């Protein structure tokens, strides 16, 4: 991911609110809300913030929806929360409409879930993954669109 789109994930694992300094830079969450200076996380929460100019219009309102903005690049974002139990959200951007596959694999490379297998329009997309039948461990998710592909890992904790 280019530095202008670095996406820090801030996690508060305490029972008290936590303030996080953003170092004078501007960040956006997945809803398009702008943050400058500091952000306060409620107890036992996390927030994924993306550095840059923010979404062109807005992010998805619900899982599986897309925004009308057109990103310039193909990108698979880190899931959140991570580690997760039992579900997590995976976000990605498509610069052009194409056949898209989003799949989950175990550490041995065996397919454990196919989340998306259809033609999708360009834009920002989100998918909710629920891991009802999987054991704790590290898994991989791969996004394929045309000749492009990207893989990331995530951790399921039971």
N, C-alpha and C. Protein backbone atom coordinates (compact mmCIF):
# COMPACT_ATOMS: atom_id res chain seq x y z
N UNK A 1 0.85 -1.17 0.00
CA UNK A 1 0.00 0.00 0.00
C UNK A 1 0.89 1.23 0.00
N UNK A 2 0.70 2.16 -0.91
CA UNK A 2 1.54 3.36 -0.92
C UNK A 2 1.41 4.11 0.39
N UNK A 3 2.44 4.86 0.81
CA UNK A 3 2.40 5.56 2.10
C UNK A 3 1.24 6.51 2.22
N UNK A 4 0.79 7.12 1.11
CA UNK A 4 -0.32 8.06 1.23
C UNK A 4 -1.63 7.38 1.59
N UNK A 5 -1.66 6.04 1.51
CA UNK A 5 -2.86 5.31 1.88
C UNK A 5 -2.63 4.40 3.07
N UNK A 6 -1.56 4.64 3.84
CA UNK A 6 -1.27 3.79 4.99
C UNK A 6 -2.49 3.73 5.89
N UNK A 7 -2.77 2.54 6.40
CA UNK A 7 -4.00 2.34 7.17
C UNK A 7 -3.67 1.78 8.55
N UNK A 8 -3.41 2.66 9.53
CA UNK A 8 -3.13 2.15 10.87
C UNK A 8 -4.41 1.66 11.54
N UNK A 9 -4.28 0.56 12.25
CA UNK A 9 -5.39 0.03 13.03
C UNK A 9 -5.07 0.30 14.49
N UNK A 10 -5.91 1.06 15.16
CA UNK A 10 -5.72 1.38 16.56
C UNK A 10 -6.67 0.50 17.37
N UNK A 11 -6.14 -0.16 18.41
CA UNK A 11 -6.93 -1.08 19.22
C UNK A 11 -6.83 -0.66 20.68
N UNK A 12 -7.97 -0.56 21.34
CA UNK A 12 -8.02 -0.29 22.78
C UNK A 12 -8.47 -1.56 23.47
N UNK A 13 -7.55 -2.22 24.15
CA UNK A 13 -7.87 -3.47 24.85
C UNK A 13 -8.03 -3.24 26.35
N UNK A 14 -8.36 -2.02 26.73
CA UNK A 14 -8.52 -1.69 28.15
C UNK A 14 -9.97 -1.35 28.44
N UNK A 15 -10.27 -1.20 29.72
CA UNK A 15 -11.63 -0.87 30.14
C UNK A 15 -11.86 0.64 30.20
N UNK A 16 -10.86 1.42 29.79
CA UNK A 16 -10.96 2.88 29.82
C UNK A 16 -10.86 3.44 28.40
N UNK A 17 -11.48 4.60 28.14
CA UNK A 17 -11.29 5.24 26.83
C UNK A 17 -9.81 5.55 26.61
N UNK A 18 -9.36 5.53 25.36
CA UNK A 18 -7.96 5.76 25.05
C UNK A 18 -7.85 6.79 23.94
N UNK A 19 -6.99 7.81 24.14
CA UNK A 19 -6.75 8.82 23.11
C UNK A 19 -5.51 8.43 22.32
N UNK A 20 -5.60 8.56 20.98
CA UNK A 20 -4.49 8.23 20.09
C UNK A 20 -4.15 9.48 19.29
N UNK A 21 -2.86 9.88 19.32
CA UNK A 21 -2.41 11.03 18.56
C UNK A 21 -2.20 10.63 17.10
N UNK A 22 -2.67 11.48 16.20
CA UNK A 22 -2.53 11.21 14.77
C UNK A 22 -1.37 11.98 14.16
N UNK A 23 -0.58 12.63 14.99
CA UNK A 23 0.64 13.28 14.52
C UNK A 23 0.43 14.41 13.54
N UNK A 24 -0.67 15.13 13.64
CA UNK A 24 -0.90 16.27 12.77
C UNK A 24 -1.37 15.93 11.36
N UNK A 25 -1.54 14.64 11.06
CA UNK A 25 -1.99 14.25 9.73
C UNK A 25 -3.51 14.09 9.72
N UNK A 26 -4.08 14.05 8.53
CA UNK A 26 -5.52 13.85 8.37
C UNK A 26 -5.78 12.40 7.98
N UNK A 27 -6.73 11.76 8.69
CA UNK A 27 -7.11 10.39 8.42
C UNK A 27 -8.61 10.32 8.25
N UNK A 28 -9.08 9.24 7.64
CA UNK A 28 -10.51 8.99 7.45
C UNK A 28 -10.83 7.58 7.88
N UNK A 29 -12.01 7.39 8.48
CA UNK A 29 -12.44 6.03 8.77
C UNK A 29 -13.22 5.50 7.57
N UNK A 30 -13.72 4.29 7.66
CA UNK A 30 -14.39 3.68 6.52
C UNK A 30 -15.73 4.32 6.21
N UNK A 31 -16.26 5.13 7.11
CA UNK A 31 -17.50 5.86 6.83
C UNK A 31 -17.22 7.21 6.18
N UNK A 32 -15.92 7.57 6.04
CA UNK A 32 -15.56 8.85 5.44
C UNK A 32 -15.44 9.99 6.43
N UNK A 33 -15.56 9.69 7.74
CA UNK A 33 -15.42 10.72 8.77
C UNK A 33 -13.96 11.13 8.87
N UNK A 34 -13.71 12.42 8.88
CA UNK A 34 -12.36 12.96 8.94
C UNK A 34 -11.90 13.06 10.38
N UNK A 35 -10.62 12.72 10.63
CA UNK A 35 -10.01 12.83 11.95
C UNK A 35 -8.70 13.59 11.82
N UNK A 36 -8.49 14.57 12.73
CA UNK A 36 -7.24 15.32 12.81
C UNK A 36 -6.85 15.40 14.27
N UNK A 37 -5.55 15.45 14.55
CA UNK A 37 -5.08 15.63 15.92
C UNK A 37 -5.10 14.35 16.72
N UNK A 38 -6.23 14.06 17.34
CA UNK A 38 -6.36 12.83 18.14
C UNK A 38 -7.71 12.18 17.86
N UNK A 39 -7.78 10.92 18.17
CA UNK A 39 -9.04 10.18 18.11
C UNK A 39 -9.17 9.45 19.45
N UNK A 40 -10.38 9.42 20.01
CA UNK A 40 -10.63 8.74 21.26
C UNK A 40 -11.36 7.43 20.98
N UNK A 41 -10.77 6.33 21.45
CA UNK A 41 -11.37 5.01 21.26
C UNK A 41 -12.12 4.61 22.52
N UNK A 42 -13.37 4.16 22.40
CA UNK A 42 -14.09 3.64 23.56
C UNK A 42 -13.39 2.38 24.09
N UNK A 43 -13.73 1.95 25.30
CA UNK A 43 -13.13 0.72 25.84
C UNK A 43 -13.39 -0.47 24.92
N UNK A 44 -12.39 -1.35 24.81
CA UNK A 44 -12.47 -2.60 24.04
C UNK A 44 -12.98 -2.37 22.62
N UNK A 45 -12.33 -1.47 21.91
CA UNK A 45 -12.76 -1.15 20.55
C UNK A 45 -11.54 -1.00 19.64
N UNK A 46 -11.82 -0.87 18.35
CA UNK A 46 -10.74 -0.63 17.40
C UNK A 46 -11.25 0.33 16.34
N UNK A 47 -10.31 0.99 15.67
CA UNK A 47 -10.67 1.91 14.59
C UNK A 47 -9.59 1.83 13.52
N UNK A 48 -10.03 1.57 12.29
CA UNK A 48 -9.15 1.57 11.14
C UNK A 48 -9.21 2.94 10.51
N UNK A 49 -8.06 3.61 10.39
CA UNK A 49 -7.99 4.95 9.82
C UNK A 49 -7.11 4.92 8.58
N UNK A 50 -7.56 5.59 7.52
CA UNK A 50 -6.84 5.61 6.26
C UNK A 50 -6.34 7.02 5.99
N UNK A 51 -5.03 7.15 5.76
CA UNK A 51 -4.42 8.44 5.46
C UNK A 51 -4.67 8.74 3.98
N UNK A 52 -4.99 9.98 3.68
CA UNK A 52 -5.17 10.35 2.28
C UNK A 52 -6.26 11.39 2.14
N UNK A 53 -6.83 11.43 0.95
CA UNK A 53 -7.84 12.44 0.65
C UNK A 53 -9.25 11.99 1.00
N UNK A 54 -9.39 10.81 1.56
CA UNK A 54 -10.71 10.31 1.92
C UNK A 54 -11.44 9.76 0.73
N UNK A 55 -12.60 9.17 0.95
CA UNK A 55 -13.35 8.60 -0.15
C UNK A 55 -13.85 9.69 -1.09
N UNK A 56 -13.96 9.38 -2.37
CA UNK A 56 -14.41 10.38 -3.33
C UNK A 56 -15.85 10.78 -3.08
N UNK A 57 -16.67 9.85 -2.69
CA UNK A 57 -18.04 10.18 -2.31
C UNK A 57 -18.27 9.71 -0.89
N UNK A 58 -18.43 8.41 -0.71
CA UNK A 58 -18.54 7.86 0.63
C UNK A 58 -18.31 6.37 0.57
N UNK A 59 -18.05 5.79 1.72
CA UNK A 59 -17.82 4.36 1.81
C UNK A 59 -19.16 3.63 1.81
N UNK A 60 -19.14 2.30 1.76
CA UNK A 60 -20.38 1.55 1.77
C UNK A 60 -21.21 1.82 3.02
N UNK A 61 -22.54 1.84 2.85
CA UNK A 61 -23.44 2.00 3.99
C UNK A 61 -23.69 0.66 4.67
N UNK A 62 -23.56 -0.42 3.95
CA UNK A 62 -23.82 -1.74 4.51
C UNK A 62 -22.87 -2.74 3.85
N UNK A 63 -22.71 -3.87 4.50
CA UNK A 63 -21.83 -4.89 3.96
C UNK A 63 -22.31 -5.30 2.58
N UNK A 64 -21.39 -5.37 1.64
CA UNK A 64 -21.71 -5.78 0.29
C UNK A 64 -22.08 -4.64 -0.64
N UNK A 65 -22.34 -3.43 -0.12
CA UNK A 65 -22.67 -2.30 -0.97
C UNK A 65 -21.40 -1.61 -1.43
N UNK A 66 -21.51 -0.84 -2.48
CA UNK A 66 -20.37 -0.10 -2.97
C UNK A 66 -20.70 1.37 -3.02
N UNK A 67 -19.65 2.19 -3.00
CA UNK A 67 -19.86 3.62 -3.14
C UNK A 67 -19.69 3.98 -4.61
N UNK A 68 -20.24 5.10 -5.04
CA UNK A 68 -20.14 5.47 -6.43
C UNK A 68 -18.77 6.04 -6.81
N UNK A 69 -17.88 6.32 -5.85
CA UNK A 69 -16.56 6.84 -6.18
C UNK A 69 -15.73 5.80 -6.92
N UNK A 70 -14.80 6.26 -7.76
CA UNK A 70 -13.97 5.36 -8.54
C UNK A 70 -12.53 5.43 -8.04
N UNK A 71 -12.05 4.39 -7.38
CA UNK A 71 -10.66 4.42 -6.94
C UNK A 71 -9.71 4.28 -8.13
N UNK A 72 -8.49 4.73 -7.95
CA UNK A 72 -7.49 4.67 -9.01
C UNK A 72 -6.72 3.37 -9.03
N UNK A 73 -6.81 2.58 -7.95
CA UNK A 73 -5.98 1.39 -7.88
C UNK A 73 -6.74 0.21 -7.27
N UNK A 74 -6.26 -0.96 -7.60
CA UNK A 74 -6.73 -2.22 -7.04
C UNK A 74 -6.11 -2.35 -5.66
N UNK A 75 -6.91 -2.61 -4.63
CA UNK A 75 -6.35 -2.73 -3.28
C UNK A 75 -7.20 -3.67 -2.44
N UNK A 76 -6.54 -4.54 -1.70
CA UNK A 76 -7.16 -5.40 -0.71
C UNK A 76 -6.73 -4.87 0.65
N UNK A 77 -7.69 -4.47 1.47
CA UNK A 77 -7.38 -3.86 2.76
C UNK A 77 -7.32 -4.92 3.85
N UNK A 78 -6.60 -4.60 4.92
CA UNK A 78 -6.53 -5.51 6.07
C UNK A 78 -7.91 -5.59 6.70
N UNK A 79 -8.29 -6.79 7.07
CA UNK A 79 -9.60 -6.98 7.71
C UNK A 79 -9.63 -6.30 9.08
N UNK A 80 -10.82 -6.07 9.57
CA UNK A 80 -10.96 -5.53 10.92
C UNK A 80 -12.23 -6.09 11.54
N UNK A 81 -12.27 -6.44 12.79
CA UNK A 81 -11.09 -6.50 13.66
C UNK A 81 -10.19 -7.68 13.28
N UNK A 82 -8.96 -7.61 13.72
CA UNK A 82 -8.00 -8.69 13.52
C UNK A 82 -7.06 -8.70 14.71
N UNK A 83 -7.02 -9.75 15.49
CA UNK A 83 -7.74 -11.01 15.42
C UNK A 83 -9.25 -10.81 15.59
N UNK A 84 -10.01 -11.85 15.19
CA UNK A 84 -11.46 -11.75 15.23
C UNK A 84 -12.09 -13.03 15.76
N UNK A 85 -13.34 -12.91 16.20
CA UNK A 85 -14.16 -14.04 16.62
C UNK A 85 -15.58 -13.52 16.81
N UNK A 86 -16.55 -13.96 16.13
CA UNK A 86 -16.55 -14.95 15.05
C UNK A 86 -16.54 -14.31 13.66
N UNK A 87 -16.65 -12.94 13.58
CA UNK A 87 -16.74 -12.35 12.24
C UNK A 87 -15.81 -11.15 12.11
N UNK A 88 -15.51 -10.82 10.85
CA UNK A 88 -14.62 -9.72 10.51
C UNK A 88 -15.06 -9.12 9.18
N UNK A 89 -14.67 -7.90 8.92
CA UNK A 89 -15.02 -7.22 7.68
C UNK A 89 -13.78 -7.09 6.81
N UNK A 90 -13.93 -7.44 5.54
CA UNK A 90 -12.85 -7.33 4.56
C UNK A 90 -13.26 -6.28 3.55
N UNK A 91 -12.40 -5.29 3.34
CA UNK A 91 -12.68 -4.22 2.39
C UNK A 91 -11.70 -4.26 1.24
N UNK A 92 -12.15 -3.83 0.07
CA UNK A 92 -11.28 -3.77 -1.10
C UNK A 92 -11.80 -2.74 -2.09
N UNK A 93 -10.90 -2.30 -2.97
CA UNK A 93 -11.28 -1.34 -4.00
C UNK A 93 -10.95 -1.91 -5.38
N UNK A 94 -11.82 -1.60 -6.32
CA UNK A 94 -11.65 -2.04 -7.71
C UNK A 94 -11.66 -0.82 -8.61
N UNK A 95 -10.62 -0.62 -9.44
CA UNK A 95 -10.59 0.53 -10.32
C UNK A 95 -11.45 0.34 -11.57
N UNK A 96 -11.81 -0.91 -11.87
CA UNK A 96 -12.62 -1.21 -13.05
C UNK A 96 -13.53 -2.38 -12.76
N UNK A 97 -14.64 -2.45 -13.43
CA UNK A 97 -15.54 -3.57 -13.28
C UNK A 97 -14.92 -4.81 -13.88
N UNK A 98 -15.08 -5.96 -13.20
CA UNK A 98 -14.51 -7.21 -13.68
C UNK A 98 -15.06 -8.35 -12.84
N UNK A 99 -14.77 -9.58 -13.26
CA UNK A 99 -15.10 -10.75 -12.45
C UNK A 99 -14.19 -10.73 -11.23
N UNK A 100 -14.79 -10.92 -10.05
CA UNK A 100 -14.06 -10.82 -8.78
C UNK A 100 -14.25 -12.11 -8.00
N UNK A 101 -13.14 -12.58 -7.40
CA UNK A 101 -13.19 -13.70 -6.46
C UNK A 101 -12.52 -13.26 -5.18
N UNK A 102 -13.19 -13.51 -4.06
CA UNK A 102 -12.60 -13.30 -2.74
C UNK A 102 -12.74 -14.62 -2.00
N UNK A 103 -11.59 -15.23 -1.67
CA UNK A 103 -11.60 -16.57 -1.09
C UNK A 103 -10.73 -16.60 0.17
N UNK A 104 -11.06 -17.56 1.06
CA UNK A 104 -10.33 -17.76 2.31
C UNK A 104 -9.67 -19.13 2.26
N UNK A 105 -8.39 -19.18 2.68
CA UNK A 105 -7.62 -20.41 2.65
C UNK A 105 -7.03 -20.71 4.02
N UNK A 106 -6.88 -22.00 4.34
CA UNK A 106 -6.19 -22.37 5.58
C UNK A 106 -4.68 -22.34 5.34
N UNK A 107 -3.87 -22.57 6.38
CA UNK A 107 -2.40 -22.48 6.21
C UNK A 107 -1.83 -23.49 5.20
N UNK A 108 -2.57 -24.55 4.90
CA UNK A 108 -2.09 -25.54 3.92
C UNK A 108 -2.54 -25.21 2.50
N UNK A 109 -3.23 -24.08 2.33
CA UNK A 109 -3.65 -23.66 1.00
C UNK A 109 -4.99 -24.23 0.56
N UNK A 110 -5.71 -24.88 1.48
CA UNK A 110 -7.03 -25.44 1.14
C UNK A 110 -8.09 -24.34 1.23
N UNK A 111 -8.95 -24.30 0.23
CA UNK A 111 -10.05 -23.33 0.21
C UNK A 111 -11.02 -23.64 1.34
N UNK A 112 -11.29 -22.64 2.19
CA UNK A 112 -12.24 -22.85 3.29
C UNK A 112 -13.54 -22.07 3.08
N UNK A 113 -13.48 -21.00 2.26
CA UNK A 113 -14.70 -20.22 1.99
C UNK A 113 -14.51 -19.41 0.72
N UNK A 114 -15.58 -19.30 -0.04
CA UNK A 114 -15.60 -18.40 -1.20
C UNK A 114 -16.63 -17.33 -0.87
N UNK A 115 -16.16 -16.11 -0.66
CA UNK A 115 -17.02 -15.02 -0.21
C UNK A 115 -17.65 -14.26 -1.37
N UNK A 116 -16.90 -14.12 -2.47
CA UNK A 116 -17.38 -13.41 -3.65
C UNK A 116 -16.93 -14.20 -4.88
N UNK A 117 -17.83 -14.36 -5.84
CA UNK A 117 -17.50 -14.99 -7.12
C UNK A 117 -18.49 -14.46 -8.15
N UNK A 118 -18.28 -13.19 -8.56
CA UNK A 118 -19.22 -12.53 -9.45
C UNK A 118 -18.59 -11.31 -10.09
N UNK A 119 -19.23 -10.78 -11.10
CA UNK A 119 -18.80 -9.52 -11.70
C UNK A 119 -19.19 -8.40 -10.75
N UNK A 120 -18.26 -7.47 -10.50
CA UNK A 120 -18.55 -6.32 -9.63
C UNK A 120 -18.13 -5.04 -10.33
N UNK A 121 -18.85 -3.98 -10.03
CA UNK A 121 -18.56 -2.66 -10.57
C UNK A 121 -17.36 -2.05 -9.85
N UNK A 122 -16.73 -1.05 -10.45
CA UNK A 122 -15.62 -0.38 -9.76
C UNK A 122 -16.13 0.34 -8.52
N UNK A 123 -15.26 0.51 -7.54
CA UNK A 123 -15.62 1.22 -6.32
C UNK A 123 -15.10 0.52 -5.09
N UNK A 124 -15.60 0.96 -3.96
CA UNK A 124 -15.23 0.42 -2.66
C UNK A 124 -16.23 -0.68 -2.29
N UNK A 125 -15.73 -1.80 -1.82
CA UNK A 125 -16.58 -2.94 -1.46
C UNK A 125 -16.20 -3.43 -0.08
N UNK A 126 -17.18 -4.00 0.63
CA UNK A 126 -16.95 -4.63 1.92
C UNK A 126 -17.71 -5.94 1.97
N UNK A 127 -17.11 -6.94 2.62
CA UNK A 127 -17.74 -8.24 2.79
C UNK A 127 -17.57 -8.65 4.24
N UNK A 128 -18.62 -9.17 4.84
CA UNK A 128 -18.56 -9.70 6.20
C UNK A 128 -18.26 -11.18 6.13
N UNK A 129 -17.20 -11.61 6.81
CA UNK A 129 -16.84 -13.03 6.88
C UNK A 129 -17.12 -13.53 8.28
N UNK A 130 -17.93 -14.58 8.37
CA UNK A 130 -18.24 -15.22 9.65
C UNK A 130 -17.65 -16.62 9.62
N UNK A 131 -16.87 -16.94 10.64
CA UNK A 131 -16.10 -18.18 10.67
C UNK A 131 -16.72 -19.20 11.62
N UNK A 132 -17.91 -19.64 11.31
CA UNK A 132 -18.62 -20.55 12.21
C UNK A 132 -17.95 -21.90 12.39
N UNK A 133 -17.36 -22.46 11.33
CA UNK A 133 -16.87 -23.84 11.39
C UNK A 133 -15.35 -23.98 11.37
N UNK A 134 -14.63 -22.88 11.58
CA UNK A 134 -13.17 -22.94 11.51
C UNK A 134 -12.55 -22.95 12.90
N UNK A 135 -11.41 -23.61 13.01
CA UNK A 135 -10.67 -23.65 14.27
C UNK A 135 -9.82 -22.38 14.39
N UNK A 136 -9.37 -22.09 15.60
CA UNK A 136 -8.46 -20.96 15.81
C UNK A 136 -7.22 -21.13 14.96
N UNK A 137 -6.69 -20.02 14.47
CA UNK A 137 -5.45 -20.09 13.70
C UNK A 137 -5.33 -18.96 12.72
N UNK A 138 -4.26 -19.00 11.94
CA UNK A 138 -4.00 -18.01 10.91
C UNK A 138 -4.57 -18.52 9.60
N UNK A 139 -5.28 -17.64 8.91
CA UNK A 139 -5.87 -17.95 7.60
C UNK A 139 -5.46 -16.85 6.63
N UNK A 140 -5.69 -17.10 5.37
CA UNK A 140 -5.34 -16.15 4.32
C UNK A 140 -6.57 -15.85 3.48
N UNK A 141 -6.72 -14.60 3.06
CA UNK A 141 -7.79 -14.26 2.13
C UNK A 141 -7.18 -13.64 0.89
N UNK A 142 -7.71 -14.05 -0.27
CA UNK A 142 -7.15 -13.62 -1.56
C UNK A 142 -8.24 -13.00 -2.41
N UNK A 143 -7.91 -11.84 -2.96
CA UNK A 143 -8.79 -11.14 -3.88
C UNK A 143 -8.21 -11.25 -5.28
N UNK A 144 -9.03 -11.67 -6.25
CA UNK A 144 -8.63 -11.74 -7.65
C UNK A 144 -9.64 -10.96 -8.48
N UNK A 145 -9.11 -10.14 -9.38
CA UNK A 145 -9.94 -9.39 -10.31
C UNK A 145 -9.17 -9.24 -11.61
N UNK A 146 -9.64 -9.91 -12.66
CA UNK A 146 -8.90 -9.89 -13.91
C UNK A 146 -7.52 -10.50 -13.71
N UNK A 147 -6.47 -9.81 -14.12
CA UNK A 147 -5.09 -10.29 -13.96
C UNK A 147 -4.48 -9.89 -12.63
N UNK A 148 -5.22 -9.18 -11.78
CA UNK A 148 -4.69 -8.68 -10.52
C UNK A 148 -5.09 -9.60 -9.37
N UNK A 149 -4.21 -9.71 -8.39
CA UNK A 149 -4.55 -10.44 -7.18
C UNK A 149 -3.75 -9.93 -6.01
N UNK A 150 -4.30 -10.10 -4.82
CA UNK A 150 -3.63 -9.69 -3.59
C UNK A 150 -4.07 -10.64 -2.49
N UNK A 151 -3.15 -10.95 -1.58
CA UNK A 151 -3.43 -11.87 -0.48
C UNK A 151 -3.01 -11.22 0.84
N UNK A 152 -3.82 -11.42 1.86
CA UNK A 152 -3.49 -10.96 3.22
C UNK A 152 -3.81 -12.09 4.20
N UNK A 153 -3.29 -11.95 5.41
CA UNK A 153 -3.59 -12.97 6.42
C UNK A 153 -4.39 -12.35 7.55
N UNK A 154 -5.14 -13.21 8.23
CA UNK A 154 -5.86 -12.80 9.42
C UNK A 154 -5.88 -13.93 10.43
N UNK A 155 -6.21 -13.58 11.67
CA UNK A 155 -6.15 -14.53 12.77
C UNK A 155 -7.53 -14.69 13.39
N UNK A 156 -7.96 -15.95 13.50
CA UNK A 156 -9.21 -16.30 14.17
C UNK A 156 -8.87 -16.82 15.56
N UNK A 157 -9.45 -16.21 16.59
CA UNK A 157 -9.26 -16.65 17.97
C UNK A 157 -10.59 -17.12 18.53
N UNK A 158 -10.65 -18.35 18.93
CA UNK A 158 -11.88 -18.91 19.53
C UNK A 158 -11.81 -18.80 21.03
